[in-house]
Amino acid sequence: MMLRVALLALFALPVQAAELPAQLDWSQRVEIATPVSGVVETVNVQPGQQVQKGSVLLSLNQTVFKANLMEARADVDRLGQEAADAQRELDRANELYARTVSSTTELDAAKLRHARAAGLLAGAEARVEKARRLLDESEPRAPYDALVLDRVAEPGMAVAGQCQPPVLLVLARADEILARASINAGQAVGIKPGDKAGVSIGGKSVAGRVAAVRARADGRYQLDVAIPRGHGLVAGMSAAIRLP
């Protein structure tokens, strides 16, 4: 009887969450390249520097990109005038046809010229958008508030975007870092992104959230817990994850 009471008391004790050994790693680590070809003209960042979202990281020489945009805009201006002239001719042909002064053949010819002019203008406008996009892509920008981890690009470096674009810079989130642990299938059950989790680093506890639970080829799982990147936190530091 006393043994039974002791067992019941044991099972009534609160279950303590296990600490999972972990290591800090960068959040949203991304390699920056550019899909356009050119020569690096300026590099605006250094490893260890923090940059704001939208900041220009580097610039290729933009002479050709700007010239292509100017040429496309000139085509839009010229074809826009031709389209306006074709519209006036079509209006006049419609009026004459309504008054039975002109034939169906003349009206059809005016419609054909108008359609051709409108199509050429639309193609020129598309070339303007393409040239503007290529100009934008010649200046890669930070996708978020970022920490620069590495810099490969230097002024004078040739970039061949059509082949295998070379890595120019490596970034990670400046405001967030991950505590990463390896867990087994049983531990992974019930854990989902967004769940609360605590992370201990150097004796200090930080509140975090589960960012991902990734299945690995060896049958284990990788648990990522995102925490605010406080002063002095860098990838490689030891940590411990405590789940509720």
Protein backbone atom coordinates (compact mmCIF):
# COMPACT_ATOMS: atom_id res chain seq x y z
CA MET A 1 0.00 0.00 0.00
CA MET A 2 2.76 2.41 0.94
CA LEU A 3 4.60 1.53 -2.27
CA ARG A 4 1.48 2.40 -4.28
CA VAL A 5 1.15 5.78 -2.51
CA ALA A 6 4.84 6.49 -3.19
CA LEU A 7 4.41 5.71 -6.88
CA LEU A 8 1.35 7.93 -7.13
CA ALA A 9 3.22 10.77 -5.47
CA LEU A 10 6.13 10.31 -7.85
CA PHE A 11 3.93 10.49 -10.92
CA ALA A 12 2.15 13.54 -9.49
CA LEU A 13 5.41 15.55 -9.51
CA PRO A 14 5.71 18.06 -12.39
CA VAL A 15 7.71 16.80 -15.32
CA GLN A 16 10.79 18.92 -15.95
CA ALA A 17 11.50 19.79 -19.57
CA ALA A 18 14.83 18.45 -20.77
CA GLU A 19 17.52 20.82 -21.94
CA LEU A 20 18.69 20.13 -25.45
CA PRO A 21 22.33 20.94 -26.20
CA ALA A 22 22.46 23.43 -29.04
CA GLN A 23 24.71 25.79 -30.93
CA LEU A 24 24.01 29.27 -32.25
CA ASP A 25 23.88 29.73 -36.00
CA TRP A 26 23.04 32.61 -38.34
CA SER A 27 19.40 33.18 -39.28
CA GLN A 28 18.44 33.49 -42.96
CA ARG A 29 22.02 33.23 -44.16
CA VAL A 30 21.96 34.17 -47.83
CA GLU A 31 24.57 34.43 -50.56
CA ILE A 32 24.18 37.57 -52.66
CA ALA A 33 24.78 37.35 -56.41
CA THR A 34 23.45 39.23 -59.42
CA PRO A 35 21.85 37.71 -62.55
CA VAL A 36 23.32 40.42 -64.80
CA SER A 37 26.84 40.59 -66.18
CA GLY A 38 29.23 43.47 -65.69
CA VAL A 39 32.22 44.78 -63.79
CA VAL A 40 32.03 45.64 -60.08
CA GLU A 41 32.50 49.38 -59.68
CA THR A 42 31.90 49.94 -55.96
CA VAL A 43 31.39 47.77 -52.87
CA ASN A 44 29.68 49.61 -50.02
CA VAL A 45 29.99 47.14 -47.14
CA GLN A 46 32.59 45.28 -45.08
CA PRO A 47 32.29 41.99 -43.11
CA GLY A 48 30.88 42.67 -39.66
CA GLN A 49 28.91 45.72 -40.82
CA GLN A 50 25.17 45.99 -40.23
CA VAL A 51 23.02 47.39 -43.04
CA GLN A 52 19.37 48.37 -43.27
CA LYS A 53 16.86 46.70 -45.56
CA GLY A 54 17.05 48.19 -49.05
CA SER A 55 20.59 49.51 -48.70
CA VAL A 56 22.70 49.25 -51.88
CA LEU A 57 25.40 46.67 -51.17
CA LEU A 58 27.45 47.08 -54.33
CA SER A 59 27.18 48.46 -57.86
CA LEU A 60 28.25 47.15 -61.22
CA ASN A 61 29.34 49.69 -63.83
CA GLN A 62 25.99 51.03 -65.05
CA THR A 63 26.95 52.66 -68.36
CA VAL A 64 25.48 49.92 -70.55
CA PHE A 65 22.38 49.44 -68.37
CA LYS A 66 21.55 53.15 -68.43
CA ALA A 67 22.16 53.36 -72.19
CA ASN A 68 19.78 50.43 -72.80
CA LEU A 69 17.12 52.13 -70.69
CA MET A 70 17.52 55.43 -72.58
CA GLU A 71 17.27 53.61 -75.92
CA ALA A 72 14.11 51.79 -74.84
CA ARG A 73 12.52 55.03 -73.63
CA ALA A 74 13.35 56.73 -76.94
CA ASP A 75 11.57 53.90 -78.78
CA VAL A 76 8.52 54.40 -76.55
CA ASP A 77 8.43 58.12 -77.37
CA ARG A 78 8.73 57.49 -81.13
CA LEU A 79 6.24 54.64 -81.23
CA GLY A 80 3.88 56.55 -78.98
CA GLN A 81 3.67 59.31 -81.58
CA GLU A 82 3.11 56.75 -84.33
CA ALA A 83 0.33 55.12 -82.29
CA ALA A 84 -1.32 58.49 -81.71
CA ASP A 85 -1.16 59.21 -85.45
CA ALA A 86 -2.64 55.79 -86.21
CA GLN A 87 -5.45 56.48 -83.72
CA ARG A 88 -6.27 59.78 -85.44
CA GLU A 89 -6.29 58.05 -88.82
CA LEU A 90 -8.60 55.34 -87.47
CA ASP A 91 -10.99 57.95 -86.03
CA ARG A 92 -11.06 59.73 -89.39
CA ALA A 93 -11.63 56.45 -91.25
CA ASN A 94 -14.50 55.57 -88.91
CA GLU A 95 -16.07 58.97 -89.49
CA LEU A 96 -15.76 58.75 -93.28
CA TYR A 97 -17.11 55.22 -93.28
CA ALA A 98 -20.11 56.30 -91.18
CA ARG A 99 -20.81 58.97 -93.78
CA THR A 100 -20.41 56.34 -96.54
CA VAL A 101 -17.57 58.41 -98.01
CA SER A 102 -14.91 55.66 -97.67
CA SER A 103 -14.95 51.93 -98.27
CA THR A 104 -14.66 48.98 -95.90
CA THR A 105 -11.20 48.29 -97.33
CA GLU A 106 -9.94 51.73 -96.25
CA LEU A 107 -11.41 51.29 -92.78
CA ASP A 108 -9.82 47.84 -92.42
CA ALA A 109 -6.45 49.25 -93.49
CA ALA A 110 -6.71 51.96 -90.81
CA LYS A 111 -7.61 49.35 -88.19
CA LEU A 112 -4.64 47.21 -89.20
CA ARG A 113 -2.22 50.14 -88.98
CA HIS A 114 -3.61 51.09 -85.57
CA ALA A 115 -3.28 47.52 -84.24
CA ARG A 116 0.30 47.27 -85.55
CA ALA A 117 1.27 50.60 -83.98
CA ALA A 118 -0.31 49.62 -80.64
CA GLY A 119 1.57 46.31 -80.66
CA LEU A 120 4.92 47.97 -81.38
CA LEU A 121 4.31 50.48 -78.59
CA ALA A 122 3.46 47.71 -76.09
CA GLY A 123 6.67 45.88 -77.03
CA ALA A 124 8.73 49.04 -76.51
CA GLU A 125 7.11 49.64 -73.10
CA ALA A 126 8.00 46.06 -72.13
CA ARG A 127 11.62 46.70 -73.14
CA VAL A 128 11.65 49.78 -70.90
CA GLU A 129 10.52 47.67 -67.93
CA LYS A 130 13.12 45.01 -68.74
CA ALA A 131 15.90 47.61 -69.03
CA ARG A 132 14.81 49.23 -65.76
CA ARG A 133 14.82 45.84 -64.02
CA LEU A 134 18.31 45.02 -65.30
CA LEU A 135 19.51 48.42 -64.07
CA ASP A 136 18.04 47.69 -60.63
CA GLU A 137 19.67 44.23 -60.56
CA SER A 138 23.07 45.79 -61.23
CA GLU A 139 22.82 47.20 -57.69
CA PRO A 140 22.00 44.34 -55.26
CA ARG A 141 20.25 45.56 -52.11
CA ALA A 142 19.90 44.14 -48.62
CA PRO A 143 16.73 41.96 -48.47
CA TYR A 144 16.33 42.70 -44.73
CA ASP A 145 18.20 44.38 -41.88
CA ALA A 146 21.36 42.35 -42.25
CA LEU A 147 24.78 41.57 -40.89
CA VAL A 148 27.50 41.20 -43.55
CA LEU A 149 29.28 37.89 -42.91
CA ASP A 150 31.65 37.82 -45.87
CA ARG A 151 32.72 39.91 -48.84
CA VAL A 152 34.07 38.37 -52.04
CA ALA A 153 33.36 41.22 -54.48
CA GLU A 154 36.01 43.85 -55.13
CA PRO A 155 36.09 46.77 -57.59
CA GLY A 156 37.20 45.56 -61.02
CA MET A 157 35.84 42.03 -60.53
CA ALA A 158 34.08 40.72 -63.67
CA VAL A 159 30.67 39.13 -63.10
CA ALA A 160 29.18 36.68 -65.62
CA GLY A 161 25.52 36.54 -64.64
CA GLN A 162 24.36 34.31 -67.50
CA CYS A 163 26.50 31.33 -66.41
CA GLN A 164 26.99 30.50 -62.73
CA PRO A 165 26.67 33.86 -60.97
CA PRO A 166 29.52 34.17 -58.45
CA VAL A 167 28.80 34.82 -54.79
CA LEU A 168 29.55 38.49 -54.11
CA LEU A 169 28.51 38.89 -50.46
CA VAL A 170 27.14 36.70 -47.66
CA LEU A 171 24.47 38.12 -45.33
CA ALA A 172 22.44 37.02 -42.31
CA ARG A 173 19.72 38.65 -40.26
CA ALA A 174 21.04 41.36 -37.96
CA ASP A 175 18.16 41.19 -35.46
CA GLU A 176 17.82 37.42 -35.03
CA ILE A 177 19.98 34.36 -34.47
CA LEU A 178 19.16 30.65 -34.24
CA ALA A 179 19.78 28.08 -31.53
CA ARG A 180 20.13 24.80 -33.41
CA ALA A 181 19.85 21.33 -31.89
CA SER A 182 19.76 17.76 -33.17
CA ILE A 183 16.79 15.77 -31.82
CA ASN A 184 15.29 12.34 -32.40
CA ALA A 185 11.87 11.52 -33.84
CA GLY A 186 10.29 11.09 -30.40
CA GLN A 187 11.44 14.53 -29.30
CA ALA A 188 10.20 16.08 -32.55
CA VAL A 189 6.64 14.84 -32.07
CA GLY A 190 4.29 17.72 -31.30
CA ILE A 191 6.84 20.49 -31.92
CA LYS A 192 5.71 22.96 -34.57
CA PRO A 193 6.88 26.34 -35.88
CA GLY A 194 5.74 29.20 -33.68
CA ASP A 195 5.88 27.25 -30.41
CA LYS A 196 7.52 29.06 -27.50
CA ALA A 197 10.92 27.87 -26.33
CA GLY A 198 13.61 29.10 -23.98
CA VAL A 199 17.29 29.31 -24.82
CA SER A 200 20.10 29.45 -22.26
CA ILE A 201 23.39 31.06 -23.30
CA GLY A 202 26.20 31.58 -20.81
CA GLY A 203 23.84 31.19 -17.87
CA LYS A 204 21.30 33.69 -19.23
CA SER A 205 17.86 32.65 -20.43
CA VAL A 206 16.27 34.18 -23.53
CA ALA A 207 12.69 33.68 -24.74
CA GLY A 208 12.42 32.39 -28.29
CA ARG A 209 10.15 30.63 -30.75
CA VAL A 210 10.49 27.50 -32.84
CA ALA A 211 11.46 28.59 -36.36
CA ALA A 212 11.66 25.15 -38.01
CA VAL A 213 11.80 21.40 -37.41
CA ARG A 214 13.66 19.85 -40.34
CA ALA A 215 13.84 16.14 -41.17
CA ARG A 216 17.39 14.96 -41.92
CA ALA A 217 18.59 12.10 -44.07
CA ASP A 218 19.92 10.18 -41.04
CA GLY A 219 16.46 9.92 -39.46
CA ARG A 220 17.03 12.65 -36.88
CA TYR A 221 15.56 16.16 -36.86
CA GLN A 222 17.08 19.62 -36.72
CA LEU A 223 15.35 22.00 -34.32
CA ASP A 224 15.82 25.72 -34.94
CA VAL A 225 14.75 28.20 -32.27
CA ALA A 226 14.90 31.89 -33.17
CA ILE A 227 15.89 34.42 -30.52
CA PRO A 228 16.69 38.15 -30.63
CA ARG A 229 20.32 38.67 -31.55
CA GLY A 230 21.62 40.47 -28.48
CA HIS A 231 24.99 42.12 -28.17
CA GLY A 232 27.82 39.61 -28.42
CA LEU A 233 25.82 36.68 -29.80
CA VAL A 234 27.53 35.06 -32.77
CA ALA A 235 27.31 31.74 -34.60
CA GLY A 236 29.23 28.90 -32.99
CA MET A 237 28.44 29.75 -29.37
CA SER A 238 27.12 26.93 -27.17
CA ALA A 239 23.53 27.09 -25.96
CA ALA A 240 20.73 24.93 -24.55
CA ILE A 241 17.09 24.79 -25.67
CA ARG A 242 14.29 24.20 -23.18
CA LEU A 243 10.83 23.41 -24.53
CA PRO A 244 7.70 24.01 -22.43
